[in-house]
Amino acid sequence: MEAARVAEEARKVEEKRVADAKAAEDAKNRANARAAAEAKEAEQKRQASEQQPQGEMVYITATGKRYHYTQSCRGLNNSNGETQVTLSDAQSRGLTKCKFE
């Protein structure tokens, strides 16, 4: 009887040790996954900031003399296509603000 009780306690202790080890491994995996996701998000934000020109964006045409703040500006009604550039770039090209805005 005593040997059976001791064996049962030993089995329970071993089961608890295995469960605790599994829980610790799961927690470690979750922490690693969270860290990897945060690193990936930070890298995506860094790449987006590098790709996106700094400053306010405006629309210009290939032959026009003005820049437009919105693509739906009526000054662009007869345009065959607009290009989005920064405001400073448009001004450096000698373009002026659209008279409708």
Protein backbone atom coordinates (compact mmCIF):
# COMPACT_ATOMS: atom_id res chain seq x y z
CA MET A 1 0.00 0.00 0.00
CA GLU A 2 2.72 2.45 1.01
CA ALA A 3 4.70 1.73 -2.14
CA ALA A 4 1.61 2.36 -4.28
CA ARG A 5 1.00 5.71 -2.57
CA VAL A 6 4.63 6.76 -3.02
CA ALA A 7 4.55 5.70 -6.68
CA GLU A 8 1.31 7.69 -7.21
CA GLU A 9 2.83 10.79 -5.62
CA ALA A 10 5.96 10.41 -7.74
CA ARG A 11 3.79 10.10 -10.88
CA LYS A 12 1.85 13.26 -9.93
CA VAL A 13 5.08 15.16 -9.24
CA GLU A 14 6.46 14.08 -12.63
CA GLU A 15 3.22 15.08 -14.41
CA LYS A 16 3.35 18.51 -12.75
CA ARG A 17 7.00 18.93 -13.72
CA VAL A 18 6.20 18.05 -17.36
CA ALA A 19 3.18 20.40 -17.39
CA ASP A 20 5.24 23.24 -15.89
CA ALA A 21 8.00 22.69 -18.45
CA LYS A 22 5.43 22.72 -21.28
CA ALA A 23 3.84 25.91 -19.91
CA ALA A 24 7.26 27.58 -19.69
CA GLU A 25 8.07 26.53 -23.27
CA ASP A 26 4.69 27.85 -24.49
CA ALA A 27 5.26 31.17 -22.71
CA LYS A 28 8.74 31.42 -24.27
CA ASN A 29 7.30 30.70 -27.74
CA ARG A 30 4.59 33.35 -27.28
CA ALA A 31 7.17 35.91 -26.17
CA ASN A 32 9.39 35.11 -29.16
CA ALA A 33 6.42 35.35 -31.55
CA ARG A 34 5.40 38.69 -30.03
CA ALA A 35 8.95 40.03 -30.31
CA ALA A 36 9.18 38.87 -33.93
CA ALA A 37 5.85 40.52 -34.76
CA GLU A 38 6.93 43.78 -33.13
CA ALA A 39 10.24 43.70 -35.01
CA LYS A 40 8.43 43.06 -38.29
CA GLU A 41 6.00 45.93 -37.64
CA ALA A 42 8.87 48.28 -36.78
CA GLU A 43 10.68 47.30 -39.98
CA GLN A 44 7.54 47.90 -42.06
CA LYS A 45 7.09 51.34 -40.49
CA ARG A 46 10.74 52.16 -41.17
CA GLN A 47 10.44 51.09 -44.80
CA ALA A 48 7.20 53.04 -45.24
CA SER A 49 8.79 56.20 -43.88
CA GLU A 50 11.77 55.77 -46.24
CA GLN A 51 9.54 55.24 -49.28
CA GLN A 52 7.15 58.06 -48.55
CA PRO A 53 8.48 61.51 -49.43
CA GLN A 54 8.39 63.95 -46.57
CA GLY A 55 6.06 66.94 -46.83
CA GLU A 56 2.60 67.68 -48.12
CA MET A 57 1.62 65.93 -51.35
CA VAL A 58 0.08 67.77 -54.32
CA TYR A 59 -0.92 66.84 -57.86
CA ILE A 60 0.64 68.17 -61.03
CA THR A 61 0.24 67.53 -64.75
CA ALA A 62 2.99 66.99 -67.29
CA THR A 63 2.47 70.34 -69.02
CA GLY A 64 0.64 72.46 -66.44
CA LYS A 65 1.93 75.49 -64.56
CA ARG A 66 -0.01 74.90 -61.34
CA TYR A 67 -0.22 72.38 -58.51
CA HIS A 68 -3.43 71.07 -56.97
CA TYR A 69 -4.08 69.91 -53.41
CA THR A 70 -6.76 67.37 -54.38
CA GLN A 71 -6.99 65.03 -57.31
CA SER A 72 -10.64 66.01 -57.71
CA CYS A 73 -9.80 69.72 -58.21
CA ARG A 74 -11.76 71.17 -61.12
CA GLY A 75 -8.51 72.58 -62.48
CA LEU A 76 -7.58 69.00 -63.34
CA ASN A 77 -10.81 68.23 -65.25
CA ASN A 78 -9.17 68.26 -68.69
CA SER A 79 -5.99 66.55 -67.54
CA ASN A 80 -4.82 63.33 -69.18
CA GLY A 81 -3.11 62.21 -65.99
CA GLU A 82 -1.75 63.59 -62.77
CA THR A 83 1.41 62.88 -60.85
CA GLN A 84 1.64 63.14 -57.09
CA VAL A 85 4.70 65.04 -55.83
CA THR A 86 5.65 66.91 -52.69
CA LEU A 87 4.64 70.54 -52.36
CA SER A 88 8.29 71.60 -52.12
CA ASP A 89 9.09 69.69 -55.33
CA ALA A 90 6.20 71.39 -57.17
CA GLN A 91 7.31 74.80 -55.94
CA SER A 92 10.93 74.11 -56.90
CA ARG A 93 9.68 73.43 -60.45
CA GLY A 94 8.21 76.93 -60.49
CA LEU A 95 4.59 75.79 -60.27
CA THR A 96 2.04 77.97 -58.49
CA LYS A 97 -1.08 77.12 -56.53
CA CYS A 98 -4.23 76.41 -58.54
CA LYS A 99 -6.58 79.39 -58.69
CA PHE A 100 -9.57 77.20 -57.75
CA GLU A 101 -8.11 76.29 -54.37
